[in-house]
Structures are given as C-alpha cells and as structure tokens.
PDB file of N, CA and C in Angstrom:
ATOM      1  N   UNK A   1      43.180 -92.536  90.521  1.00  0.00           N
ATOM      2  CA  UNK A   1      42.169 -93.163  91.305  1.00  0.00           C
ATOM      3  C   UNK A   1      41.287 -94.193  90.394  1.00  0.00           C
ATOM      4  N   UNK A   2      41.553 -95.313  90.891  1.00  0.00           N
ATOM      5  CA  UNK A   2      40.978 -96.771  90.227  1.00  0.00           C
ATOM      6  C   UNK A   2      39.889 -96.758  90.951  1.00  0.00           C
ATOM      7  N   UNK A   3      38.577 -96.644  90.087  1.00  0.00           N
ATOM      8  CA  UNK A   3      37.149 -96.906  90.238  1.00  0.00           C
ATOM      9  C   UNK A   3      36.286 -98.767  89.517  1.00  0.00           C
ATOM     10  N   UNK A   4      37.158 -99.287  89.850  1.00  0.00           N
ATOM     11  CA  UNK A   4      36.494-100.480  89.055  1.00  0.00           C
ATOM     12  C   UNK A   4      35.405-101.058  89.605  1.00  0.00           C
ATOM     13  N   UNK A   5      35.196-101.249  90.685  1.00  0.00           N
ATOM     14  CA  UNK A   5      33.488-101.605  90.938  1.00  0.00           C
ATOM     15  C   UNK A   5      32.165-100.385  91.144  1.00  0.00           C
ATOM     16  N   UNK A   6      32.899 -99.046  90.497  1.00  0.00           N
ATOM     17  CA  UNK A   6      31.556 -98.350  90.120  1.00  0.00           C
ATOM     18  C   UNK A   6      31.539 -98.721  88.567  1.00  0.00           C
ATOM     19  N   UNK A   7      32.415 -98.526  88.028  1.00  0.00           N
ATOM     20  CA  UNK A   7      32.533 -98.893  86.197  1.00  0.00           C
ATOM     21  C   UNK A   7      31.863-100.103  86.260  1.00  0.00           C
ATOM     22  N   UNK A   8      32.177-101.323  86.919  1.00  0.00           N
ATOM     23  CA  UNK A   8      31.637-102.626  86.639  1.00  0.00           C
ATOM     24  C   UNK A   8      30.289-102.351  86.565  1.00  0.00           C
ATOM     25  N   UNK A   9      29.483-101.851  88.145  1.00  0.00           N
ATOM     26  CA  UNK A   9      28.230-101.557  88.567  1.00  0.00           C
ATOM     27  C   UNK A   9      27.224-100.721  87.307  1.00  0.00           C
ATOM     28  N   UNK A  10      28.081 -99.897  86.879  1.00  0.00           N
ATOM     29  CA  UNK A  10      27.845 -99.009  85.627  1.00  0.00           C
ATOM     30  C   UNK A  10      27.750 -99.954  84.429  1.00  0.00           C
ATOM     31  N   UNK A  11      28.630-100.654  84.287  1.00  0.00           N
ATOM     32  CA  UNK A  11      28.038-101.872  83.178  1.00  0.00           C
ATOM     33  C   UNK A  11      27.000-102.424  83.221  1.00  0.00           C
ATOM     34  N   UNK A  12      27.090-103.205  84.303  1.00  0.00           N
ATOM     35  CA  UNK A  12      25.698-104.138  84.941  1.00  0.00           C
ATOM     36  C   UNK A  12      24.547-103.366  84.872  1.00  0.00           C
ATOM     37  N   UNK A  13      24.479-102.409  85.196  1.00  0.00           N
ATOM     38  CA  UNK A  13      23.322-101.279  85.231  1.00  0.00           C
ATOM     39  C   UNK A  13      22.558-100.896  83.677  1.00  0.00           C
ATOM     40  N   UNK A  14      23.455-100.837  83.009  1.00  0.00           N
ATOM     41  CA  UNK A  14      23.385-100.628  81.513  1.00  0.00           C
ATOM     42  C   UNK A  14      22.875-101.850  80.832  1.00  0.00           C
ATOM     43  N   UNK A  15      23.772-102.870  80.924  1.00  0.00           N
ATOM     44  CA  UNK A  15      22.905-104.306  80.478  1.00  0.00           C
ATOM     45  C   UNK A  15      21.764-104.657  81.255  1.00  0.00           C
ATOM     46  N   UNK A  16      21.146-104.600  82.289  1.00  0.00           N
ATOM     47  CA  UNK A  16      20.228-104.814  82.696  1.00  0.00           C
ATOM     48  C   UNK A  16      18.602-104.041  82.056  1.00  0.00           C
ATOM     49  N   UNK A  17      19.208-102.627  81.966  1.00  0.00           N
ATOM     50  CA  UNK A  17      18.191-101.734  81.558  1.00  0.00           C
ATOM     51  C   UNK A  17      17.762-102.270  80.380  1.00  0.00           C
ATOM     52  N   UNK A  18      19.152-102.339  79.688  1.00  0.00           N
ATOM     53  CA  UNK A  18      18.474-103.022  78.005  1.00  0.00           C
ATOM     54  C   UNK A  18      17.831-104.117  77.733  1.00  0.00           C
ATOM     55  N   UNK A  19      18.116-104.908  78.938  1.00  0.00           N
ATOM     56  CA  UNK A  19      18.034-106.369  78.692  1.00  0.00           C
ATOM     57  C   UNK A  19      16.213-106.390  79.135  1.00  0.00           C
ATOM     58  N   UNK A  20      15.570-105.029  80.086  1.00  0.00           N
ATOM     59  CA  UNK A  20      14.486-104.781  80.142  1.00  0.00           C
ATOM     60  C   UNK A  20      13.467-104.435  79.185  1.00  0.00           C
ATOM     61  N   UNK A  21      14.266-103.393  78.512  1.00  0.00           N
ATOM     62  CA  UNK A  21      13.870-102.693  77.268  1.00  0.00           C
ATOM     63  C   UNK A  21      13.354-103.627  75.901  1.00  0.00           C
ATOM     64  N   UNK A  22      13.871-105.095  76.116  1.00  0.00           N
ATOM     65  CA  UNK A  22      13.427-106.341  75.339  1.00  0.00           C
ATOM     66  C   UNK A  22      12.933-107.258  75.952  1.00  0.00           C
ATOM     67  N   UNK A  23      12.427-106.948  77.120  1.00  0.00           N
ATOM     68  CA  UNK A  23      11.528-108.014  78.108  1.00  0.00           C
ATOM     69  C   UNK A  23      12.334-109.037  78.555  1.00  0.00           C
ATOM     70  N   UNK A  24      13.451-108.868  78.885  1.00  0.00           N
ATOM     71  CA  UNK A  24      14.719-109.904  79.248  1.00  0.00           C
ATOM     72  C   UNK A  24      15.365-109.507  80.809  1.00  0.00           C
ATOM     73  N   UNK A  25      15.632-110.547  81.114  1.00  0.00           N
ATOM     74  CA  UNK A  25      16.608-110.796  82.565  1.00  0.00           C
ATOM     75  C   UNK A  25      17.853-110.905  82.483  1.00  0.00           C
ATOM     76  N   UNK A  26      18.966-110.711  83.214  1.00  0.00           N
ATOM     77  CA  UNK A  26      20.095-111.251  83.257  1.00  0.00           C
ATOM     78  C   UNK A  26      19.290-113.318  82.587  1.00  0.00           C
ATOM     79  N   UNK A  27      18.266-113.839  83.622  1.00  0.00           N
ATOM     80  CA  UNK A  27      18.695-114.759  82.856  1.00  0.00           C
ATOM     81  C   UNK A  27      18.646-115.587  81.463  1.00  0.00           C
ATOM     82  N   UNK A  28      18.531-114.375  80.886  1.00  0.00           N
ATOM     83  CA  UNK A  28      18.154-114.572  79.397  1.00  0.00           C
ATOM     84  C   UNK A  28      19.807-114.174  78.910  1.00  0.00           C
ATOM     85  N   UNK A  29      20.587-114.412  79.757  1.00  0.00           N
ATOM     86  CA  UNK A  29      22.060-113.992  79.407  1.00  0.00           C
ATOM     87  C   UNK A  29      22.959-115.510  79.178  1.00  0.00           C
ATOM     88  N   UNK A  30      23.537-115.728  78.105  1.00  0.00           N
ATOM     89  CA  UNK A  30      23.766-116.899  77.602  1.00  0.00           C
ATOM     90  C   UNK A  30      25.381-116.738  77.666  1.00  0.00           C
ATOM     91  N   UNK A  31      26.201-116.040  77.589  1.00  0.00           N
ATOM     92  CA  UNK A  31      27.644-116.017  77.892  1.00  0.00           C
ATOM     93  C   UNK A  31      28.099-114.267  78.337  1.00  0.00           C
ATOM     94  N   UNK A  32      29.075-114.410  79.135  1.00  0.00           N
ATOM     95  CA  UNK A  32      29.511-113.003  79.351  1.00  0.00           C
ATOM     96  C   UNK A  32      30.476-113.303  79.167  1.00  0.00           C
ATOM     97  N   UNK A  33      31.942-112.084  78.287  1.00  0.00           N
ATOM     98  CA  UNK A  33      32.607-111.799  78.316  1.00  0.00           C
ATOM     99  C   UNK A  33      33.080-110.676  78.923  1.00  0.00           C
ATOM    100  N   UNK A  34      34.250-110.455  79.507  1.00  0.00           N
ATOM    101  CA  UNK A  34      34.433-109.328  80.392  1.00  0.00           C
ATOM    102  C   UNK A  34      35.916-109.395  80.316  1.00  0.00           C
ATOM    103  N   UNK A  35      36.497-107.681  80.038  1.00  0.00           N
ATOM    104  CA  UNK A  35      37.741-107.412  79.568  1.00  0.00           C
ATOM    105  C   UNK A  35      38.475-106.720  81.024  1.00  0.00           C
ATOM    106  N   UNK A  36      39.589-107.156  80.924  1.00  0.00           N
ATOM    107  CA  UNK A  36      39.960-105.947  82.399  1.00  0.00           C
ATOM    108  C   UNK A  36      41.424-105.544  81.601  1.00  0.00           C
ATOM    109  N   UNK A  37      41.710-104.622  82.214  1.00  0.00           N
ATOM    110  CA  UNK A  37      43.092-103.600  81.716  1.00  0.00           C
ATOM    111  C   UNK A  37      43.919-104.294  83.070  1.00  0.00           C
ATOM    112  N   UNK A  38      43.549-104.415  84.114  1.00  0.00           N
ATOM    113  CA  UNK A  38      44.423-105.350  85.187  1.00  0.00           C
ATOM    114  C   UNK A  38      43.998-106.636  85.675  1.00  0.00           C
ATOM    115  N   UNK A  39      44.040-107.803  85.527  1.00  0.00           N
ATOM    116  CA  UNK A  39      43.398-109.153  85.343  1.00  0.00           C
ATOM    117  C   UNK A  39      43.798-109.219  87.193  1.00  0.00           C
ATOM    118  N   UNK A  40      44.730-108.022  88.147  1.00  0.00           N
ATOM    119  CA  UNK A  40      44.114-108.522  89.562  1.00  0.00           C
ATOM    120  C   UNK A  40      43.190-108.028  89.868  1.00  0.00           C
ATOM    121  N   UNK A  41      42.313-107.167  88.719  1.00  0.00           N
ATOM    122  CA  UNK A  41      40.796-107.254  89.182  1.00  0.00           C
ATOM    123  C   UNK A  41      39.867-108.124  89.112  1.00  0.00           C
ATOM    124  N   UNK A  42      40.719-109.365  88.579  1.00  0.00           N
ATOM    125  CA  UNK A  42      39.478-110.479  88.834  1.00  0.00           C
ATOM    126  C   UNK A  42      38.340-110.555  89.720  1.00  0.00           C
ATOM    127  N   UNK A  43      38.827-110.477  91.053  1.00  0.00           N
ATOM    128  CA  UNK A  43      38.340-111.227  92.028  1.00  0.00           C
ATOM    129  C   UNK A  43      36.731-109.754  92.339  1.00  0.00           C
ATOM    130  N   UNK A  44      37.021-108.428  92.370  1.00  0.00           N
ATOM    131  CA  UNK A  44      36.421-107.838  92.549  1.00  0.00           C
ATOM    132  C   UNK A  44      35.482-107.727  91.245  1.00  0.00           C
ATOM    133  N   UNK A  45      35.923-107.731  89.863  1.00  0.00           N
ATOM    134  CA  UNK A  45      34.548-108.207  88.856  1.00  0.00           C
ATOM    135  C   UNK A  45      33.724-109.204  89.102  1.00  0.00           C
ATOM    136  N   UNK A  46      34.382-110.405  89.452  1.00  0.00           N
ATOM    137  CA  UNK A  46      33.977-111.479  89.828  1.00  0.00           C
ATOM    138  C   UNK A  46      32.240-111.111  91.054  1.00  0.00           C
ATOM    139  N   UNK A  47      32.797-110.197  91.911  1.00  0.00           N
ATOM    140  CA  UNK A  47      31.586-109.805  92.623  1.00  0.00           C
ATOM    141  C   UNK A  47      30.817-109.019  92.334  1.00  0.00           C
ATOM    142  N   UNK A  48      31.380-108.584  91.758  1.00  0.00           N
ATOM    143  CA  UNK A  48      30.600-107.287  91.243  1.00  0.00           C
ATOM    144  C   UNK A  48      29.576-107.790  90.001  1.00  0.00           C
ATOM    145  N   UNK A  49      29.799-109.291  89.230  1.00  0.00           N
ATOM    146  CA  UNK A  49      29.152-109.900  88.279  1.00  0.00           C
ATOM    147  C   UNK A  49      28.195-110.418  89.472  1.00  0.00           C
ATOM    148  N   UNK A  50      29.121-111.399  90.317  1.00  0.00           N
ATOM    149  CA  UNK A  50      27.735-112.061  91.269  1.00  0.00           C
ATOM    150  C   UNK A  50      26.411-111.018  91.800  1.00  0.00           C
ATOM    151  N   UNK A  51      26.989-109.977  91.974  1.00  0.00           N
ATOM    152  CA  UNK A  51      25.642-109.116  92.515  1.00  0.00           C
ATOM    153  C   UNK A  51      25.015-108.823  91.477  1.00  0.00           C
ATOM    154  N   UNK A  52      25.643-108.350  90.187  1.00  0.00           N
ATOM    155  CA  UNK A  52      24.622-108.243  89.165  1.00  0.00           C
ATOM    156  C   UNK A  52      23.545-109.293  88.933  1.00  0.00           C
ATOM    157  N   UNK A  53      23.927-110.640  89.185  1.00  0.00           N
ATOM    158  CA  UNK A  53      22.973-111.985  89.162  1.00  0.00           C
ATOM    159  C   UNK A  53      22.125-111.720  89.971  1.00  0.00           C
ATOM    160  N   UNK A  54      22.349-111.188  91.221  1.00  0.00           N
ATOM    161  CA  UNK A  54      21.513-111.606  92.229  1.00  0.00           C
ATOM    162  C   UNK A  54      20.436-112.961  92.477  1.00  0.00           C
ATOM    163  N   UNK A  55      21.415-114.163  92.581  1.00  0.00           N
ATOM    164  CA  UNK A  55      21.109-115.468  92.853  1.00  0.00           C
ATOM    165  C   UNK A  55      20.754-116.214  91.782  1.00  0.00           C
ATOM    166  N   UNK A  56      20.478-115.197  90.573  1.00  0.00           N
ATOM    167  CA  UNK A  56      20.175-116.071  89.253  1.00  0.00           C
ATOM    168  C   UNK A  56      21.134-117.227  88.646  1.00  0.00           C
ATOM    169  N   UNK A  57      21.851-117.870  88.465  1.00  0.00           N
ATOM    170  CA  UNK A  57      22.507-119.076  88.075  1.00  0.00           C
ATOM    171  C   UNK A  57      23.525-117.780  86.719  1.00  0.00           C
ATOM    172  N   UNK A  58      24.381-117.926  86.772  1.00  0.00           N
ATOM    173  CA  UNK A  58      25.773-117.242  85.938  1.00  0.00           C
ATOM    174  C   UNK A  58      25.466-118.296  84.931  1.00  0.00           C
ATOM    175  N   UNK A  59      25.890-117.492  83.553  1.00  0.00           N
ATOM    176  CA  UNK A  59      26.313-118.706  82.159  1.00  0.00           C
ATOM    177  C   UNK A  59      27.588-118.520  81.990  1.00  0.00           C
ATOM    178  N   UNK A  60      27.901-119.763  81.186  1.00  0.00           N
ATOM    179  CA  UNK A  60      29.244-119.629  80.438  1.00  0.00           C
ATOM    180  C   UNK A  60      30.018-118.429  80.575  1.00  0.00           C
ATOM    181  N   UNK A  61      31.256-118.133  81.082  1.00  0.00           N
ATOM    182  CA  UNK A  61      31.978-116.726  81.184  1.00  0.00           C
ATOM    183  C   UNK A  61      33.377-116.603  80.947  1.00  0.00           C
ATOM    184  N   UNK A  62      33.844-115.673  79.969  1.00  0.00           N
ATOM    185  CA  UNK A  62      35.584-115.724  80.130  1.00  0.00           C
ATOM    186  C   UNK A  62      35.610-114.466  80.230  1.00  0.00           C
ATOM    187  N   UNK A  63      36.956-114.518  81.114  1.00  0.00           N
ATOM    188  CA  UNK A  63      37.658-113.119  81.228  1.00  0.00           C
ATOM    189  C   UNK A  63      38.708-113.056  80.296  1.00  0.00           C
ATOM    190  N   UNK A  64      39.194-111.886  79.741  1.00  0.00           N
ATOM    191  CA  UNK A  64      40.580-111.423  79.067  1.00  0.00           C
ATOM    192  C   UNK A  64      41.455-110.034  79.132  1.00  0.00           C
ATOM    193  N   UNK A  65      42.372-110.553  79.787  1.00  0.00           N
ATOM    194  CA  UNK A  65      43.166-109.188  80.133  1.00  0.00           C
ATOM    195  C   UNK A  65      43.461-108.429  78.667  1.00  0.00           C
ATOM    196  N   UNK A  66      43.386-107.341  78.998  1.00  0.00           N
ATOM    197  CA  UNK A  66      43.648-106.304  77.334  1.00  0.00           C
ATOM    198  C   UNK A  66      44.752-105.375  78.194  1.00  0.00           C
ATOM    199  N   UNK A  67      45.441-104.881  77.373  1.00  0.00           N
ATOM    200  CA  UNK A  67      46.468-104.009  77.598  1.00  0.00           C
ATOM    201  C   UNK A  67      45.293-102.423  77.874  1.00  0.00           C
ATOM    202  N   UNK A  68      44.257-102.489  77.182  1.00  0.00           N
ATOM    203  CA  UNK A  68      43.456-101.112  77.099  1.00  0.00           C
ATOM    204  C   UNK A  68      42.800-101.284  76.457  1.00  0.00           C
ATOM    205  N   UNK A  69      41.442-100.392  77.130  1.00  0.00           N
ATOM    206  CA  UNK A  69      40.449-100.160  76.475  1.00  0.00           C
ATOM    207  C   UNK A  69      39.787 -98.944  75.367  1.00  0.00           C
ATOM    208  N   UNK A  70      38.716 -98.532  74.932  1.00  0.00           N
ATOM    209  CA  UNK A  70      38.798 -97.465  74.094  1.00  0.00           C
ATOM    210  C   UNK A  70      38.892 -96.288  74.676  1.00  0.00           C
ATOM    211  N   UNK A  71      38.248 -95.883  75.884  1.00  0.00           N
ATOM    212  CA  UNK A  71      38.723 -94.753  76.780  1.00  0.00           C
ATOM    213  C   UNK A  71      39.504 -94.623  77.536  1.00  0.00           C
ATOM    214  N   UNK A  72      40.336 -93.615  77.736  1.00  0.00           N
ATOM    215  CA  UNK A  72      41.545 -93.480  78.857  1.00  0.00           C
ATOM    216  C   UNK A  72      40.923 -93.792  80.353  1.00  0.00           C
ATOM    217  N   UNK A  73      41.256 -94.154  81.225  1.00  0.00           N
ATOM    218  CA  UNK A  73      40.830 -94.518  82.185  1.00  0.00           C
ATOM    219  C   UNK A  73      39.707 -95.610  82.291  1.00  0.00           C
ATOM    220  N   UNK A  74      39.701 -96.410  81.768  1.00  0.00           N
ATOM    221  CA  UNK A  74      38.555 -97.433  81.120  1.00  0.00           C
ATOM    222  C   UNK A  74      38.907 -98.724  81.625  1.00  0.00           C
ATOM    223  N   UNK A  75      38.396 -99.458  83.198  1.00  0.00           N
ATOM    224  CA  UNK A  75      39.026-100.488  83.146  1.00  0.00           C
ATOM    225  C   UNK A  75      38.391-101.566  83.149  1.00  0.00           C
ATOM    226  N   UNK A  76      36.875-101.673  82.904  1.00  0.00           N
ATOM    227  CA  UNK A  76      36.120-102.832  82.312  1.00  0.00           C
ATOM    228  C   UNK A  76      35.137-102.773  81.255  1.00  0.00           C
ATOM    229  N   UNK A  77      35.384-103.891  80.657  1.00  0.00           N
ATOM    230  CA  UNK A  77      33.999-103.436  79.818  1.00  0.00           C
ATOM    231  C   UNK A  77      33.324-105.168  79.727  1.00  0.00           C
ATOM    232  N   UNK A  78      32.275-104.919  80.003  1.00  0.00           N
ATOM    233  CA  UNK A  78      31.294-106.555  79.767  1.00  0.00           C
ATOM    234  C   UNK A  78      30.560-106.759  78.071  1.00  0.00           C
ATOM    235  N   UNK A  79      30.654-107.570  77.955  1.00  0.00           N
ATOM    236  CA  UNK A  79      29.789-108.079  76.743  1.00  0.00           C
ATOM    237  C   UNK A  79      29.523-109.385  77.275  1.00  0.00           C
ATOM    238  N   UNK A  80      28.067-108.842  76.705  1.00  0.00           N
ATOM    239  CA  UNK A  80      27.105-110.396  76.994  1.00  0.00           C
ATOM    240  C   UNK A  80      25.784-110.628  75.808  1.00  0.00           C
ATOM    241  N   UNK A  81      25.763-112.135  75.563  1.00  0.00           N
ATOM    242  CA  UNK A  81      25.224-112.058  75.001  1.00  0.00           C
ATOM    243  C   UNK A  81      23.692-113.110  75.245  1.00  0.00           C
ATOM    244  N   UNK A  82      23.051-112.238  75.030  1.00  0.00           N
ATOM    245  CA  UNK A  82      21.403-113.023  75.146  1.00  0.00           C
ATOM    246  C   UNK A  82      20.589-113.374  74.204  1.00  0.00           C
ATOM    247  N   UNK A  83      19.404-113.752  74.741  1.00  0.00           N
ATOM    248  CA  UNK A  83      18.558-114.891  73.670  1.00  0.00           C
ATOM    249  C   UNK A  83      17.103-114.469  74.548  1.00  0.00           C
ATOM    250  N   UNK A  84      16.717-114.413  73.519  1.00  0.00           N
ATOM    251  CA  UNK A  84      14.859-114.109  74.124  1.00  0.00           C
ATOM    252  C   UNK A  84      14.254-115.372  74.242  1.00  0.00           C
ATOM    253  N   UNK A  85      14.048-115.624  75.599  1.00  0.00           N
ATOM    254  CA  UNK A  85      13.280-117.200  76.021  1.00  0.00           C
ATOM    255  C   UNK A  85      11.675-117.036  76.322  1.00  0.00           C
ATOM    256  N   UNK A  86      11.125-117.757  76.384  1.00  0.00           N
ATOM    257  CA  UNK A  86      10.039-117.996  76.416  1.00  0.00           C
ATOM    258  C   UNK A  86       9.398-118.961  77.423  1.00  0.00           C
TER     259      UNK A  86
END
C-alpha cells in the first residue's frame, strides 16, 4: 500500500518543526529539492508542498526521480535550504 501523502505531510511537519526551533518558518526556505521514487507522484507531492506553504510564496524547487531511498517503502524525501532572514 502506498502512502505518499502521509509521508509527504510527515516530512513537511518535521521541516516546519525544525524551522520553528530556529525561529524560522517556511518563508525562510530558499530552495526545495524533492526526491520521488515514482515520478507519477509528482502532482500529489506538489499538492502536499503547496499545503505546507499555506499561501506563502514558494521558493525555487527541483524534483528528482530516484530508483530508491534509504529506507524500504520510503517514497519521498524533501531537502530544504533555508536562511535566517530578519
């Protein structure tokens, strides 16, 4: 059973918590790289990211299709670069 949506929401929740820990939000993200094991999930991953940004302007981004990720069953990995702007 595939759970890309749940994995994507979990990844963005972790990212948001880490940003908050450092006094930042998604608005501090400069770039997003999303790794997908199935490029057919592109649309669903995009919807999930749009929800995560909740109306904030999204930064530059790249989507990369890969054959596998580190853990079996892992469908998506999200890598962000953020900066502390005042």
